[in-house]
């Protein structure tokens, strides 16, 4: 089943802003981003040395659930004002 298109970035900004306003720790926390960076660095190292690179798991205390879901319609293309369309 195809998903309906939606705006992914706006809900992230709304959620993050809401966490700041209400003094809550956002999900994912900083260690989620750290885990991503560790994996990306291991990929580069693996490509450079030609073999697998072992990495340690980053513990996760909680996971997102349906209560954090925010839906927004996709952003519509704005009308051009005195400008040629890109080509």
PDB file of N, CA and C in Angstrom:
ATOM      1  N   UNK A   1       0.841  -1.180   0.000  1.00  0.00           N
ATOM      2  CA  UNK A   1       0.000   0.000   0.000  1.00  0.00           C
ATOM      3  C   UNK A   1       0.889   1.247   0.000  1.00  0.00           C
ATOM      4  N   UNK A   2       0.634   2.147  -0.914  1.00  0.00           N
ATOM      5  CA  UNK A   2       1.430   3.366  -1.025  1.00  0.00           C
ATOM      6  C   UNK A   2       1.072   4.340   0.090  1.00  0.00           C
ATOM      7  N   UNK A   3       2.095   5.014   0.593  1.00  0.00           N
ATOM      8  CA  UNK A   3       1.873   6.029   1.618  1.00  0.00           C
ATOM      9  C   UNK A   3       1.478   7.339   0.971  1.00  0.00           C
ATOM     10  N   UNK A   4       0.649   8.111   1.661  1.00  0.00           N
ATOM     11  CA  UNK A   4       0.341   9.449   1.181  1.00  0.00           C
ATOM     12  C   UNK A   4       1.547  10.335   1.446  1.00  0.00           C
ATOM     13  N   UNK A   5       1.884  11.221   0.503  1.00  0.00           N
ATOM     14  CA  UNK A   5       3.013  12.107   0.754  1.00  0.00           C
ATOM     15  C   UNK A   5       2.706  13.041   1.917  1.00  0.00           C
ATOM     16  N   UNK A   6       3.725  13.407   2.624  1.00  0.00           N
ATOM     17  CA  UNK A   6       3.550  14.318   3.751  1.00  0.00           C
ATOM     18  C   UNK A   6       4.808  15.128   3.972  1.00  0.00           C
ATOM     19  N   UNK A   7       4.697  16.143   4.781  1.00  0.00           N
ATOM     20  CA  UNK A   7       5.829  16.980   5.135  1.00  0.00           C
ATOM     21  C   UNK A   7       6.505  16.348   6.345  1.00  0.00           C
ATOM     22  N   UNK A   8       7.721  15.872   6.182  1.00  0.00           N
ATOM     23  CA  UNK A   8       8.437  15.213   7.275  1.00  0.00           C
ATOM     24  C   UNK A   8       9.162  16.227   8.151  1.00  0.00           C
ATOM     25  N   UNK A   9       9.659  17.308   7.573  1.00  0.00           N
ATOM     26  CA  UNK A   9      10.487  18.244   8.318  1.00  0.00           C
ATOM     27  C   UNK A   9       9.670  19.116   9.274  1.00  0.00           C
ATOM     28  N   UNK A  10       8.517  19.597   8.852  1.00  0.00           N
ATOM     29  CA  UNK A  10       7.697  20.468   9.705  1.00  0.00           C
ATOM     30  C   UNK A  10       7.315  19.782  11.018  1.00  0.00           C
ATOM     31  N   UNK A  11       6.829  18.542  11.002  1.00  0.00           N
ATOM     32  CA  UNK A  11       6.512  17.897  12.273  1.00  0.00           C
ATOM     33  C   UNK A  11       7.733  17.733  13.185  1.00  0.00           C
ATOM     34  N   UNK A  12       8.920  17.507  12.598  1.00  0.00           N
ATOM     35  CA  UNK A  12      10.126  17.398  13.415  1.00  0.00           C
ATOM     36  C   UNK A  12      10.420  18.718  14.113  1.00  0.00           C
ATOM     37  N   UNK A  13      10.286  19.837  13.386  1.00  0.00           N
ATOM     38  CA  UNK A  13      10.511  21.149  13.988  1.00  0.00           C
ATOM     39  C   UNK A  13       9.480  21.447  15.071  1.00  0.00           C
ATOM     40  N   UNK A  14       8.222  21.119  14.808  1.00  0.00           N
ATOM     41  CA  UNK A  14       7.161  21.348  15.789  1.00  0.00           C
ATOM     42  C   UNK A  14       7.428  20.529  17.047  1.00  0.00           C
ATOM     43  N   UNK A  15       7.770  19.271  16.873  1.00  0.00           N
ATOM     44  CA  UNK A  15       8.038  18.398  18.012  1.00  0.00           C
ATOM     45  C   UNK A  15       9.234  18.905  18.818  1.00  0.00           C
ATOM     46  N   UNK A  16      10.330  19.255  18.138  1.00  0.00           N
ATOM     47  CA  UNK A  16      11.528  19.735  18.827  1.00  0.00           C
ATOM     48  C   UNK A  16      11.237  21.033  19.572  1.00  0.00           C
ATOM     49  N   UNK A  17      10.519  21.951  18.933  1.00  0.00           N
ATOM     50  CA  UNK A  17      10.144  23.214  19.587  1.00  0.00           C
ATOM     51  C   UNK A  17       9.294  22.958  20.817  1.00  0.00           C
ATOM     52  N   UNK A  18       8.348  22.029  20.704  1.00  0.00           N
ATOM     53  CA  UNK A  18       7.486  21.691  21.834  1.00  0.00           C
ATOM     54  C   UNK A  18       8.310  21.126  23.001  1.00  0.00           C
ATOM     55  N   UNK A  19       9.315  20.320  22.701  1.00  0.00           N
ATOM     56  CA  UNK A  19      10.190  19.784  23.750  1.00  0.00           C
ATOM     57  C   UNK A  19      10.940  20.902  24.461  1.00  0.00           C
ATOM     58  N   UNK A  20      11.414  21.889  23.701  1.00  0.00           N
ATOM     59  CA  UNK A  20      12.121  23.021  24.303  1.00  0.00           C
ATOM     60  C   UNK A  20      11.166  23.826  25.184  1.00  0.00           C
ATOM     61  N   UNK A  21       9.993  24.143  24.662  1.00  0.00           N
ATOM     62  CA  UNK A  21       9.018  24.946  25.412  1.00  0.00           C
ATOM     63  C   UNK A  21       8.609  24.259  26.704  1.00  0.00           C
ATOM     64  N   UNK A  22       8.437  22.939  26.670  1.00  0.00           N
ATOM     65  CA  UNK A  22       7.960  22.196  27.846  1.00  0.00           C
ATOM     66  C   UNK A  22       9.082  21.496  28.611  1.00  0.00           C
ATOM     67  N   UNK A  23      10.332  21.878  28.327  1.00  0.00           N
ATOM     68  CA  UNK A  23      11.510  21.359  29.033  1.00  0.00           C
ATOM     69  C   UNK A  23      11.537  19.834  29.088  1.00  0.00           C
ATOM     70  N   UNK A  24      11.367  19.213  27.896  1.00  0.00           N
ATOM     71  CA  UNK A  24      11.416  17.748  27.789  1.00  0.00           C
ATOM     72  C   UNK A  24      12.593  17.348  26.912  1.00  0.00           C
ATOM     73  N   UNK A  25      13.114  16.155  27.156  1.00  0.00           N
ATOM     74  CA  UNK A  25      14.189  15.620  26.322  1.00  0.00           C
ATOM     75  C   UNK A  25      13.563  15.076  25.041  1.00  0.00           C
ATOM     76  N   UNK A  26      14.029  15.534  23.878  1.00  0.00           N
ATOM     77  CA  UNK A  26      13.435  15.057  22.620  1.00  0.00           C
ATOM     78  C   UNK A  26      13.812  13.613  22.319  1.00  0.00           C
ATOM     79  N   UNK A  27      12.984  12.967  21.548  1.00  0.00           N
ATOM     80  CA  UNK A  27      13.268  11.629  21.029  1.00  0.00           C
ATOM     81  C   UNK A  27      13.500  11.795  19.538  1.00  0.00           C
ATOM     82  N   UNK A  28      14.543  11.402  18.945  1.00  0.00           N
ATOM     83  CA  UNK A  28      15.630  10.664  19.561  1.00  0.00           C
ATOM     84  C   UNK A  28      16.577  11.595  20.312  1.00  0.00           C
ATOM     85  N   UNK A  29      17.168  11.101  21.405  1.00  0.00           N
ATOM     86  CA  UNK A  29      18.133  11.913  22.135  1.00  0.00           C
ATOM     87  C   UNK A  29      19.458  11.988  21.375  1.00  0.00           C
ATOM     88  N   UNK A  30      20.399  12.708  21.907  1.00  0.00           N
ATOM     89  CA  UNK A  30      21.685  12.898  21.229  1.00  0.00           C
ATOM     90  C   UNK A  30      22.427  11.607  20.958  1.00  0.00           C
ATOM     91  N   UNK A  31      22.246  10.593  21.820  1.00  0.00           N
ATOM     92  CA  UNK A  31      22.998   9.359  21.585  1.00  0.00           C
ATOM     93  C   UNK A  31      22.519   8.621  20.339  1.00  0.00           C
ATOM     94  N   UNK A  32      21.311   8.899  19.880  1.00  0.00           N
ATOM     95  CA  UNK A  32      20.832   8.319  18.617  1.00  0.00           C
ATOM     96  C   UNK A  32      21.641   8.877  17.447  1.00  0.00           C
ATOM     97  N   UNK A  33      21.882  10.188  17.459  1.00  0.00           N
ATOM     98  CA  UNK A  33      22.721  10.802  16.438  1.00  0.00           C
ATOM     99  C   UNK A  33      24.152  10.306  16.531  1.00  0.00           C
ATOM    100  N   UNK A  34      24.654  10.125  17.770  1.00  0.00           N
ATOM    101  CA  UNK A  34      25.993   9.590  17.958  1.00  0.00           C
ATOM    102  C   UNK A  34      26.109   8.196  17.344  1.00  0.00           C
ATOM    103  N   UNK A  35      25.088   7.368  17.536  1.00  0.00           N
ATOM    104  CA  UNK A  35      25.092   6.023  16.950  1.00  0.00           C
ATOM    105  C   UNK A  35      25.174   6.103  15.432  1.00  0.00           C
ATOM    106  N   UNK A  36      24.441   7.027  14.832  1.00  0.00           N
ATOM    107  CA  UNK A  36      24.493   7.202  13.372  1.00  0.00           C
ATOM    108  C   UNK A  36      25.897   7.567  12.913  1.00  0.00           C
ATOM    109  N   UNK A  37      26.539   8.497  13.630  1.00  0.00           N
ATOM    110  CA  UNK A  37      27.890   8.934  13.257  1.00  0.00           C
ATOM    111  C   UNK A  37      28.883   7.777  13.394  1.00  0.00           C
ATOM    112  N   UNK A  38      28.748   6.974  14.443  1.00  0.00           N
ATOM    113  CA  UNK A  38      29.628   5.822  14.641  1.00  0.00           C
ATOM    114  C   UNK A  38      29.496   4.851  13.466  1.00  0.00           C
ATOM    115  N   UNK A  39      28.266   4.585  13.043  1.00  0.00           N
ATOM    116  CA  UNK A  39      28.039   3.668  11.915  1.00  0.00           C
ATOM    117  C   UNK A  39      28.633   4.238  10.627  1.00  0.00           C
ATOM    118  N   UNK A  40      28.399   5.512  10.368  1.00  0.00           N
ATOM    119  CA  UNK A  40      28.923   6.138   9.145  1.00  0.00           C
ATOM    120  C   UNK A  40      30.451   6.103   9.130  1.00  0.00           C
ATOM    121  N   UNK A  41      31.078   6.418  10.281  1.00  0.00           N
ATOM    122  CA  UNK A  41      32.542   6.362  10.350  1.00  0.00           C
ATOM    123  C   UNK A  41      33.054   4.942  10.126  1.00  0.00           C
ATOM    124  N   UNK A  42      32.349   3.941  10.651  1.00  0.00           N
ATOM    125  CA  UNK A  42      32.750   2.547  10.455  1.00  0.00           C
ATOM    126  C   UNK A  42      32.627   2.146   8.983  1.00  0.00           C
ATOM    127  N   UNK A  43      31.626   2.651   8.298  1.00  0.00           N
ATOM    128  CA  UNK A  43      31.469   2.372   6.864  1.00  0.00           C
ATOM    129  C   UNK A  43      32.665   2.918   6.088  1.00  0.00           C
ATOM    130  N   UNK A  44      33.034   4.167   6.382  1.00  0.00           N
ATOM    131  CA  UNK A  44      34.201   4.753   5.709  1.00  0.00           C
ATOM    132  C   UNK A  44      35.475   3.965   6.017  1.00  0.00           C
ATOM    133  N   UNK A  45      35.669   3.612   7.293  1.00  0.00           N
ATOM    134  CA  UNK A  45      36.869   2.856   7.667  1.00  0.00           C
ATOM    135  C   UNK A  45      36.886   1.492   6.979  1.00  0.00           C
ATOM    136  N   UNK A  46      35.741   0.827   6.939  1.00  0.00           N
ATOM    137  CA  UNK A  46      35.639  -0.478   6.296  1.00  0.00           C
ATOM    138  C   UNK A  46      35.991  -0.388   4.811  1.00  0.00           C
ATOM    139  N   UNK A  47      35.481   0.645   4.151  1.00  0.00           N
ATOM    140  CA  UNK A  47      35.784   0.829   2.730  1.00  0.00           C
ATOM    141  C   UNK A  47      37.273   1.084   2.523  1.00  0.00           C
ATOM    142  N   UNK A  48      37.886   1.795   3.453  1.00  0.00           N
ATOM    143  CA  UNK A  48      39.305   2.127   3.319  1.00  0.00           C
ATOM    144  C   UNK A  48      40.205   0.913   3.556  1.00  0.00           C
ATOM    145  N   UNK A  49      39.858   0.083   4.555  1.00  0.00           N
ATOM    146  CA  UNK A  49      40.737  -1.041   4.889  1.00  0.00           C
ATOM    147  C   UNK A  49      40.311  -2.347   4.223  1.00  0.00           C
ATOM    148  N   UNK A  50      39.122  -2.369   3.625  1.00  0.00           N
ATOM    149  CA  UNK A  50      38.678  -3.539   2.868  1.00  0.00           C
ATOM    150  C   UNK A  50      38.167  -4.697   3.706  1.00  0.00           C
ATOM    151  N   UNK A  51      37.761  -4.428   4.930  1.00  0.00           N
ATOM    152  CA  UNK A  51      37.150  -5.485   5.744  1.00  0.00           C
ATOM    153  C   UNK A  51      36.157  -4.874   6.722  1.00  0.00           C
ATOM    154  N   UNK A  52      35.358  -5.739   7.328  1.00  0.00           N
ATOM    155  CA  UNK A  52      34.338  -5.286   8.274  1.00  0.00           C
ATOM    156  C   UNK A  52      34.983  -4.627   9.497  1.00  0.00           C
ATOM    157  N   UNK A  53      34.298  -3.658  10.051  1.00  0.00           N
ATOM    158  CA  UNK A  53      34.752  -2.965  11.259  1.00  0.00           C
ATOM    159  C   UNK A  53      33.707  -3.200  12.343  1.00  0.00           C
ATOM    160  N   UNK A  54      34.159  -3.704  13.481  1.00  0.00           N
ATOM    161  CA  UNK A  54      33.237  -3.971  14.597  1.00  0.00           C
ATOM    162  C   UNK A  54      32.975  -2.674  15.364  1.00  0.00           C
ATOM    163  N   UNK A  55      31.716  -2.453  15.703  1.00  0.00           N
ATOM    164  CA  UNK A  55      31.346  -1.277  16.502  1.00  0.00           C
ATOM    165  C   UNK A  55      30.532  -1.732  17.707  1.00  0.00           C
ATOM    166  N   UNK A  56      30.577  -0.929  18.754  1.00  0.00           N
ATOM    167  CA  UNK A  56      29.804  -1.196  19.963  1.00  0.00           C
ATOM    168  C   UNK A  56      28.392  -0.639  19.800  1.00  0.00           C
ATOM    169  N   UNK A  57      27.437  -1.341  20.347  1.00  0.00           N
ATOM    170  CA  UNK A  57      26.054  -0.866  20.310  1.00  0.00           C
ATOM    171  C   UNK A  57      25.896   0.324  21.259  1.00  0.00           C
ATOM    172  N   UNK A  58      25.102   1.295  20.845  1.00  0.00           N
ATOM    173  CA  UNK A  58      24.776   2.436  21.697  1.00  0.00           C
ATOM    174  C   UNK A  58      23.439   2.120  22.364  1.00  0.00           C
ATOM    175  N   UNK A  59      23.420   2.061  23.706  1.00  0.00           N
ATOM    176  CA  UNK A  59      22.158   1.694  24.376  1.00  0.00           C
ATOM    177  C   UNK A  59      21.053   2.722  24.121  1.00  0.00           C
ATOM    178  N   UNK A  60      19.841   2.221  23.969  1.00  0.00           N
ATOM    179  CA  UNK A  60      18.674   3.073  23.751  1.00  0.00           C
ATOM    180  C   UNK A  60      17.720   2.889  24.924  1.00  0.00           C
ATOM    181  N   UNK A  61      17.366   3.987  25.558  1.00  0.00           N
ATOM    182  CA  UNK A  61      16.494   3.920  26.733  1.00  0.00           C
ATOM    183  C   UNK A  61      15.022   3.859  26.361  1.00  0.00           C
ATOM    184  N   UNK A  62      14.657   4.523  25.268  1.00  0.00           N
ATOM    185  CA  UNK A  62      13.258   4.523  24.853  1.00  0.00           C
ATOM    186  C   UNK A  62      13.176   4.639  23.343  1.00  0.00           C
ATOM    187  N   UNK A  63      12.044   4.307  22.816  1.00  0.00           N
ATOM    188  CA  UNK A  63      11.825   4.340  21.379  1.00  0.00           C
ATOM    189  C   UNK A  63      10.618   5.226  21.085  1.00  0.00           C
ATOM    190  N   UNK A  64      10.571   5.816  19.894  1.00  0.00           N
ATOM    191  CA  UNK A  64       9.369   6.579  19.514  1.00  0.00           C
ATOM    192  C   UNK A  64       8.164   5.653  19.411  1.00  0.00           C
ATOM    193  N   UNK A  65       6.999   6.197  19.668  1.00  0.00           N
ATOM    194  CA  UNK A  65       5.776   5.422  19.515  1.00  0.00           C
ATOM    195  C   UNK A  65       4.722   6.297  18.838  1.00  0.00           C
ATOM    196  N   UNK A  66       3.530   5.773  18.706  1.00  0.00           N
ATOM    197  CA  UNK A  66       2.466   6.485  17.990  1.00  0.00           C
ATOM    198  C   UNK A  66       2.099   7.819  18.645  1.00  0.00           C
ATOM    199  N   UNK A  67       2.390   8.005  19.938  1.00  0.00           N
ATOM    200  CA  UNK A  67       2.027   9.266  20.602  1.00  0.00           C
ATOM    201  C   UNK A  67       2.872  10.433  20.103  1.00  0.00           C
ATOM    202  N   UNK A  68       4.024  10.160  19.483  1.00  0.00           N
ATOM    203  CA  UNK A  68       4.875  11.242  18.983  1.00  0.00           C
ATOM    204  C   UNK A  68       4.630  11.537  17.505  1.00  0.00           C
ATOM    205  N   UNK A  69       3.700  10.838  16.894  1.00  0.00           N
ATOM    206  CA  UNK A  69       3.432  10.999  15.467  1.00  0.00           C
ATOM    207  C   UNK A  69       2.666  12.302  15.210  1.00  0.00           C
ATOM    208  N   UNK A  70       3.173  13.093  14.267  1.00  0.00           N
ATOM    209  CA  UNK A  70       2.524  14.344  13.856  1.00  0.00           C
ATOM    210  C   UNK A  70       2.414  14.296  12.337  1.00  0.00           C
ATOM    211  N   UNK A  71       1.226  14.472  11.797  1.00  0.00           N
ATOM    212  CA  UNK A  71       1.025  14.443  10.344  1.00  0.00           C
ATOM    213  C   UNK A  71       0.777  15.858   9.826  1.00  0.00           C
ATOM    214  N   UNK A  72       1.439  16.188   8.734  1.00  0.00           N
ATOM    215  CA  UNK A  72       1.223  17.452   8.034  1.00  0.00           C
ATOM    216  C   UNK A  72       1.159  17.149   6.544  1.00  0.00           C
ATOM    217  N   UNK A  73       0.338  17.865   5.802  1.00  0.00           N
ATOM    218  CA  UNK A  73       0.283  17.624   4.358  1.00  0.00           C
ATOM    219  C   UNK A  73       1.592  18.057   3.709  1.00  0.00           C
ATOM    220  N   UNK A  74       1.879  17.543   2.512  1.00  0.00           N
ATOM    221  CA  UNK A  74       3.109  17.957   1.835  1.00  0.00           C
ATOM    222  C   UNK A  74       3.088  19.445   1.523  1.00  0.00           C
ATOM    223  N   UNK A  75       4.266  20.021   1.430  1.00  0.00           N
ATOM    224  CA  UNK A  75       4.390  21.433   1.090  1.00  0.00           C
ATOM    225  C   UNK A  75       4.053  21.592  -0.386  1.00  0.00           C
ATOM    226  N   UNK A  76       3.217  22.572  -0.701  1.00  0.00           N
ATOM    227  CA  UNK A  76       2.842  22.821  -2.092  1.00  0.00           C
ATOM    228  C   UNK A  76       3.866  23.745  -2.736  1.00  0.00           C
ATOM    229  N   UNK A  77       4.077  23.549  -4.034  1.00  0.00           N
ATOM    230  CA  UNK A  77       4.985  24.413  -4.767  1.00  0.00           C
ATOM    231  C   UNK A  77       4.414  25.826  -4.789  1.00  0.00           C
ATOM    232  N   UNK A  78       5.223  26.830  -4.446  1.00  0.00           N
ATOM    233  CA  UNK A  78       4.706  28.204  -4.495  1.00  0.00           C
ATOM    234  C   UNK A  78       4.598  28.693  -5.930  1.00  0.00           C
ATOM    235  N   UNK A  79       3.712  29.650  -6.136  1.00  0.00           N
ATOM    236  CA  UNK A  79       3.607  30.271  -7.446  1.00  0.00           C
ATOM    237  C   UNK A  79       4.860  31.117  -7.674  1.00  0.00           C
ATOM    238  N   UNK A  80       5.400  31.074  -8.894  1.00  0.00           N
ATOM    239  CA  UNK A  80       6.570  31.882  -9.218  1.00  0.00           C
ATOM    240  C   UNK A  80       6.147  33.325  -9.399  1.00  0.00           C
ATOM    241  N   UNK A  81       6.956  34.231  -8.891  1.00  0.00           N
ATOM    242  CA  UNK A  81       6.669  35.650  -9.000  1.00  0.00           C
ATOM    243  C   UNK A  81       7.800  36.303  -9.795  1.00  0.00           C
ATOM    244  N   UNK A  82       7.496  36.736 -10.991  1.00  0.00           N
ATOM    245  CA  UNK A  82       8.476  37.423 -11.862  1.00  0.00           C
ATOM    246  C   UNK A  82       9.776  36.640 -11.953  1.00  0.00           C
ATOM    247  N   UNK A  83       9.670  35.356 -12.091  1.00  0.00           N
ATOM    248  CA  UNK A  83      10.874  34.524 -12.217  1.00  0.00           C
ATOM    249  C   UNK A  83      10.607  33.403 -13.191  1.00  0.00           C
ATOM    250  N   UNK A  84      11.635  33.023 -13.897  1.00  0.00           N
ATOM    251  CA  UNK A  84      11.512  31.895 -14.814  1.00  0.00           C
ATOM    252  C   UNK A  84      11.615  30.604 -14.026  1.00  0.00           C
ATOM    253  N   UNK A  85      10.943  29.592 -14.522  1.00  0.00           N
ATOM    254  CA  UNK A  85      11.019  28.271 -13.873  1.00  0.00           C
ATOM    255  C   UNK A  85      12.436  27.736 -13.986  1.00  0.00           C
ATOM    256  N   UNK A  86      12.910  27.000 -12.986  1.00  0.00           N
ATOM    257  CA  UNK A  86      14.266  26.441 -13.079  1.00  0.00           C
ATOM    258  C   UNK A  86      14.345  25.408 -14.194  1.00  0.00           C
ATOM    259  N   UNK A  87      15.497  25.273 -14.771  1.00  0.00           N
ATOM    260  CA  UNK A  87      15.680  24.311 -15.862  1.00  0.00           C
ATOM    261  C   UNK A  87      17.012  23.599 -15.751  1.00  0.00           C
TER     262      UNK A  87
END
